[in-house]
Amino acid sequence: MRGLLVALLIATPSLLLPGLATDTPEIVALLALLGGILTFAEYNSNFPSFVEFRDAPPLNRLRFFVLFSLAASISLIMCQSYHPTLLTALLHAIGALLGDALDIPYSPVRLATLMMPASTPLETLNAVRAAAGLAYTLSWAAIAVFFFQIRLRNWPVANGAFNVWVNLPLFDPTTGGDVVLRLQRDARINVIVGVLLPFAIPAMISMASGLTESILLREPQALVWMLVTWAFLPASLLMRGMAMLRVAGMIEQKRRRAYANAEALQTA
């Protein structure tokens, strides 16, 4: 089921924009198939490879839900200009309200609209503003949900024992310095990069305007995935940083309890 859902996620913009599909639907099908197979193999293996927090729900479920919601909602907003329906009109109206509220000077939503080429039609620019407003709101809502999962639901130990090797397969605790300090350092790096990316991505796209202008205006799917990346990647990094800080705190608490028990035994 996870593999099928990941394949559906990758194919969602292509399915929701059938009349605007690219000339290479075979590539979309191939990527969806590969994504589904990799997800199936990862979650059915006893030995983790690269997917983090595999056995620490609901972090990955929340990430997937946000990513799928972003891909579907942005695709439907882009459909409003070509195949309007009640659903696309509703999402466009909600996104327009959020986009207008968040479109203030130097905000990520303002930068997302400014990264569009100067020749962008007004209708497309309004759709980008609406999609950016809705996507930015969804990403911060996901961060807030995960924050409450940590604070109120005692993530991840509420689901049982937490295995660092299974949930952090790319983190080697035997190399480098202290594990807690390394986790905290990596977590802070993730948080800083996650905060800066909504501002950095539009700047990088603006600097490459000569290469991206024709793609963004001719390929709605490319515009959809660009906005999805702009909204999801910073949120994912922020949630990863929060998760690693939580793991570091758990290890530090366990050390303190072990030291306290050792001192109690020595004084007994």
Protein backbone atom coordinates (compact mmCIF):
# COMPACT_ATOMS: atom_id res chain seq x y z
CA MET A 1 0.00 0.00 0.00
CA ARG A 2 2.84 2.41 0.78
CA GLY A 3 4.41 1.71 -2.59
CA LEU A 4 1.12 2.31 -4.40
CA LEU A 5 0.55 5.56 -2.55
CA VAL A 6 4.04 6.83 -3.41
CA ALA A 7 3.49 5.91 -7.07
CA LEU A 8 0.16 7.75 -7.01
CA LEU A 9 1.84 10.77 -5.46
CA ILE A 10 4.44 10.98 -8.22
CA ALA A 11 1.77 10.63 -10.91
CA THR A 12 -0.73 13.04 -9.31
CA PRO A 13 0.19 16.23 -11.26
CA SER A 14 0.16 14.27 -14.50
CA LEU A 15 -3.24 12.78 -13.66
CA LEU A 16 -4.80 16.07 -12.59
CA LEU A 17 -3.41 17.95 -15.58
CA PRO A 18 -4.30 15.47 -18.34
CA GLY A 19 -4.71 18.07 -21.06
CA LEU A 20 -1.48 19.79 -20.05
CA ALA A 21 0.75 16.75 -19.78
CA THR A 22 4.30 16.86 -20.97
CA ASP A 23 5.56 15.06 -24.03
CA THR A 24 7.06 12.34 -21.86
CA PRO A 25 4.32 10.60 -19.84
CA GLU A 26 6.45 7.46 -19.97
CA ILE A 27 9.02 9.18 -17.74
CA VAL A 28 6.32 10.00 -15.18
CA ALA A 29 5.13 6.39 -15.23
CA LEU A 30 8.69 5.12 -14.85
CA LEU A 31 9.42 7.44 -11.93
CA ALA A 32 6.16 6.43 -10.25
CA LEU A 33 7.02 2.75 -10.70
CA LEU A 34 10.54 3.23 -9.33
CA GLY A 35 9.26 5.22 -6.36
CA GLY A 36 6.72 2.55 -5.53
CA ILE A 37 9.24 -0.28 -5.81
CA LEU A 38 11.84 1.51 -3.66
CA THR A 39 9.25 2.28 -0.99
CA PHE A 40 8.00 -1.30 -0.98
CA ALA A 41 11.54 -2.68 -0.73
CA GLU A 42 12.50 -0.28 2.07
CA TYR A 43 9.51 -0.98 4.30
CA ASN A 44 9.62 -4.75 3.74
CA SER A 45 13.29 -5.09 4.60
CA ASN A 46 14.65 -5.90 8.04
CA PHE A 47 17.74 -3.82 7.30
CA PRO A 48 17.17 -0.08 6.79
CA SER A 49 18.94 1.67 3.93
CA PHE A 50 18.08 5.36 3.56
CA VAL A 51 14.53 6.12 4.78
CA GLU A 52 14.77 7.84 8.15
CA PHE A 53 12.33 7.38 11.05
CA ARG A 54 10.88 4.31 9.40
CA ASP A 55 9.58 2.87 12.67
CA ALA A 56 8.70 6.15 14.35
CA PRO A 57 5.22 7.07 13.16
CA PRO A 58 3.61 9.44 12.41
CA LEU A 59 6.54 11.51 11.09
CA ASN A 60 6.82 9.88 7.67
CA ARG A 61 3.04 9.61 7.39
CA LEU A 62 2.76 13.31 8.09
CA ARG A 63 5.44 14.06 5.51
CA PHE A 64 3.65 11.98 2.90
CA PHE A 65 0.27 13.53 3.69
CA VAL A 66 1.69 17.03 3.33
CA LEU A 67 3.54 16.18 0.12
CA PHE A 68 0.46 14.57 -1.41
CA SER A 69 -1.75 17.48 -0.31
CA LEU A 70 0.68 19.97 -1.83
CA ALA A 71 0.93 18.13 -5.14
CA ALA A 72 -2.84 17.68 -5.42
CA SER A 73 -3.91 21.15 -4.28
CA ILE A 74 -1.35 23.04 -6.38
CA SER A 75 -2.24 20.97 -9.44
CA LEU A 76 -5.93 21.72 -8.95
CA ILE A 77 -5.23 25.43 -8.52
CA MET A 78 -3.28 25.41 -11.79
CA CYS A 79 -6.21 23.60 -13.43
CA GLN A 80 -8.50 26.54 -12.65
CA SER A 81 -7.11 28.49 -15.62
CA TYR A 82 -7.69 25.62 -18.07
CA HIS A 83 -10.41 23.27 -16.75
CA PRO A 84 -12.35 25.15 -14.05
CA THR A 85 -14.54 23.13 -11.69
CA LEU A 86 -16.15 23.77 -8.33
CA LEU A 87 -13.22 22.11 -6.55
CA THR A 88 -10.57 24.09 -8.43
CA ALA A 89 -12.51 27.31 -7.85
CA LEU A 90 -12.79 26.58 -4.12
CA LEU A 91 -9.09 25.82 -3.73
CA HIS A 92 -8.15 28.84 -5.82
CA ALA A 93 -10.33 31.09 -3.66
CA ILE A 94 -8.86 29.71 -0.42
CA GLY A 95 -5.33 30.00 -1.79
CA ALA A 96 -6.01 33.55 -2.98
CA LEU A 97 -7.14 34.60 0.50
CA LEU A 98 -4.06 33.04 2.10
CA GLY A 99 -1.76 34.35 -0.61
CA ASP A 100 -3.05 37.91 -0.29
CA ALA A 101 -2.67 37.73 3.50
CA LEU A 102 0.89 36.40 3.29
CA ASP A 103 1.98 38.53 0.32
CA ILE A 104 3.85 41.12 2.34
CA PRO A 105 7.27 42.62 1.53
CA TYR A 106 10.17 40.15 1.83
CA SER A 107 7.84 37.24 2.68
CA PRO A 108 8.40 33.84 1.04
CA VAL A 109 5.07 34.17 -0.79
CA ARG A 110 6.09 37.53 -2.23
CA LEU A 111 9.43 36.05 -3.31
CA ALA A 112 7.65 33.09 -4.90
CA THR A 113 5.69 35.44 -7.13
CA LEU A 114 8.72 37.61 -7.89
CA MET A 115 10.70 34.59 -9.12
CA MET A 116 8.29 34.21 -12.03
CA PRO A 117 9.49 35.63 -15.38
CA ALA A 118 8.47 39.16 -16.31
CA SER A 119 6.43 37.83 -19.24
CA THR A 120 4.20 35.73 -16.97
CA PRO A 121 0.48 36.34 -17.66
CA LEU A 122 -1.47 37.94 -14.81
CA GLU A 123 -3.74 34.90 -14.53
CA THR A 124 -0.76 32.58 -14.05
CA LEU A 125 0.80 34.98 -11.55
CA ASN A 126 -2.40 35.02 -9.49
CA ALA A 127 -2.49 31.22 -9.58
CA VAL A 128 1.11 31.07 -8.39
CA ARG A 129 0.31 33.47 -5.52
CA ALA A 130 -2.71 31.39 -4.51
CA ALA A 131 -0.76 28.13 -4.72
CA ALA A 132 2.15 29.59 -2.75
CA GLY A 133 -0.15 30.90 -0.02
CA LEU A 134 -1.93 27.56 0.37
CA ALA A 135 1.30 25.55 0.17
CA TYR A 136 3.09 27.71 2.75
CA THR A 137 0.13 27.42 5.13
CA LEU A 138 -0.03 23.64 4.74
CA SER A 139 3.70 23.27 5.37
CA TRP A 140 3.58 25.28 8.60
CA ALA A 141 0.46 23.42 9.70
CA ALA A 142 2.41 20.16 9.33
CA ILE A 143 5.27 21.55 11.41
CA ALA A 144 2.81 22.59 14.12
CA VAL A 145 1.19 19.13 14.13
CA PHE A 146 4.58 17.45 14.53
CA PHE A 147 5.53 19.89 17.31
CA PHE A 148 2.41 18.89 19.24
CA GLN A 149 3.17 15.23 18.57
CA ILE A 150 6.48 15.73 20.35
CA ARG A 151 5.15 17.82 23.21
CA LEU A 152 1.76 16.25 23.88
CA ARG A 153 2.05 12.71 22.48
CA ASN A 154 5.63 12.11 23.67
CA TRP A 155 6.90 11.18 20.21
CA PRO A 156 8.61 8.78 19.49
CA VAL A 157 8.60 6.70 22.69
CA ALA A 158 4.79 6.69 22.83
CA ASN A 159 4.92 4.04 20.08
CA GLY A 160 7.43 1.82 21.91
CA ALA A 161 11.20 1.59 22.02
CA PHE A 162 13.14 3.84 19.65
CA ASN A 163 15.91 2.15 17.65
CA VAL A 164 18.48 4.69 16.48
CA TRP A 165 19.99 2.37 13.85
CA VAL A 166 16.63 1.62 12.20
CA ASN A 167 15.32 5.18 12.32
CA LEU A 168 18.59 6.96 11.52
CA PRO A 169 20.35 4.55 9.13
CA LEU A 170 22.57 7.27 7.65
CA PHE A 171 23.81 8.38 11.08
CA ASP A 172 26.86 6.48 12.34
CA PRO A 173 27.11 6.84 16.13
CA THR A 174 30.57 5.21 16.22
CA THR A 175 32.36 7.95 14.26
CA GLY A 176 33.11 11.51 15.24
CA GLY A 177 32.61 13.01 18.66
CA ASP A 178 29.84 12.75 21.19
CA VAL A 179 26.58 11.40 19.75
CA VAL A 180 24.41 14.00 21.47
CA LEU A 181 26.52 16.91 20.27
CA ARG A 182 26.56 15.55 16.72
CA LEU A 183 22.78 15.08 16.71
CA GLN A 184 22.25 18.58 18.06
CA ARG A 185 24.65 20.05 15.50
CA ASP A 186 22.96 18.24 12.60
CA ALA A 187 19.54 19.25 13.94
CA ARG A 188 20.48 22.93 14.10
CA ILE A 189 21.89 22.78 10.57
CA ASN A 190 18.60 21.28 9.34
CA VAL A 191 16.57 23.95 11.12
CA ILE A 192 18.71 26.81 9.77
CA VAL A 193 18.61 25.47 6.21
CA GLY A 194 14.87 24.84 6.50
CA VAL A 195 14.27 28.44 7.58
CA LEU A 196 16.44 29.89 4.79
CA LEU A 197 15.27 27.71 1.89
CA PRO A 198 11.90 29.47 1.27
CA PHE A 199 13.94 32.61 0.63
CA ALA A 200 16.87 30.96 -1.15
CA ILE A 201 14.93 28.84 -3.67
CA PRO A 202 13.18 31.81 -5.33
CA ALA A 203 16.49 33.67 -5.45
CA MET A 204 18.22 30.74 -7.17
CA ILE A 205 15.38 30.38 -9.68
CA SER A 206 15.47 34.12 -10.39
CA MET A 207 19.21 33.94 -11.04
CA ALA A 208 18.60 31.09 -13.50
CA SER A 209 15.69 32.92 -15.17
CA GLY A 210 17.18 32.43 -18.60
CA LEU A 211 17.04 28.67 -18.20
CA THR A 212 13.74 28.39 -16.33
CA GLU A 213 11.55 30.99 -18.07
CA SER A 214 10.37 28.78 -20.91
CA ILE A 215 9.98 25.74 -18.66
CA LEU A 216 7.87 27.52 -16.03
CA LEU A 217 5.55 29.10 -18.59
CA ARG A 218 5.17 26.15 -20.96
CA GLU A 219 5.11 23.23 -18.53
CA PRO A 220 2.48 23.49 -15.77
CA GLN A 221 3.75 20.27 -14.21
CA ALA A 222 7.23 21.76 -13.82
CA LEU A 223 5.69 24.79 -12.10
CA VAL A 224 3.69 22.49 -9.81
CA TRP A 225 6.74 20.49 -8.74
CA MET A 226 8.76 23.66 -8.25
CA LEU A 227 6.15 25.04 -5.85
CA VAL A 228 5.86 21.66 -4.13
CA THR A 229 9.63 21.58 -3.59
CA TRP A 230 9.64 25.19 -2.40
CA ALA A 231 7.03 24.43 0.27
CA PHE A 232 7.82 20.83 1.24
CA LEU A 233 11.61 20.73 1.43
CA PRO A 234 11.96 23.44 4.12
CA ALA A 235 9.14 21.90 6.16
CA SER A 236 10.70 18.45 5.89
CA LEU A 237 14.09 19.77 7.02
CA LEU A 238 12.52 21.61 9.96
CA MET A 239 10.67 18.47 11.06
CA ARG A 240 13.87 16.44 10.68
CA GLY A 241 15.74 18.96 12.83
CA MET A 242 13.02 18.84 15.48
CA ALA A 243 13.10 15.04 15.43
CA MET A 244 16.88 14.89 15.82
CA LEU A 245 16.78 17.38 18.69
CA ARG A 246 14.18 15.15 20.34
CA VAL A 247 16.37 12.06 19.90
CA ALA A 248 19.38 13.92 21.29
CA GLY A 249 17.34 14.97 24.30
CA MET A 250 16.21 11.38 24.89
CA ILE A 251 19.79 10.09 24.81
CA GLU A 252 20.89 12.84 27.18
CA GLN A 253 18.08 12.04 29.63
CA LYS A 254 18.97 8.36 29.53
CA ARG A 255 22.61 9.20 30.31
CA ARG A 256 21.59 11.34 33.25
CA ARG A 257 19.45 8.56 34.68
CA ALA A 258 22.30 6.08 34.22
CA TYR A 259 24.75 8.42 35.98
CA ALA A 260 22.27 9.03 38.80
CA ASN A 261 21.75 5.29 39.28
CA ALA A 262 25.50 4.69 39.27
CA GLU A 263 26.04 7.37 41.91
CA ALA A 264 23.21 5.94 44.00
CA LEU A 265 24.83 2.50 43.87
CA GLN A 266 28.21 3.90 44.88
CA THR A 267 26.80 5.74 47.88
CA ALA A 268 24.60 2.84 48.98
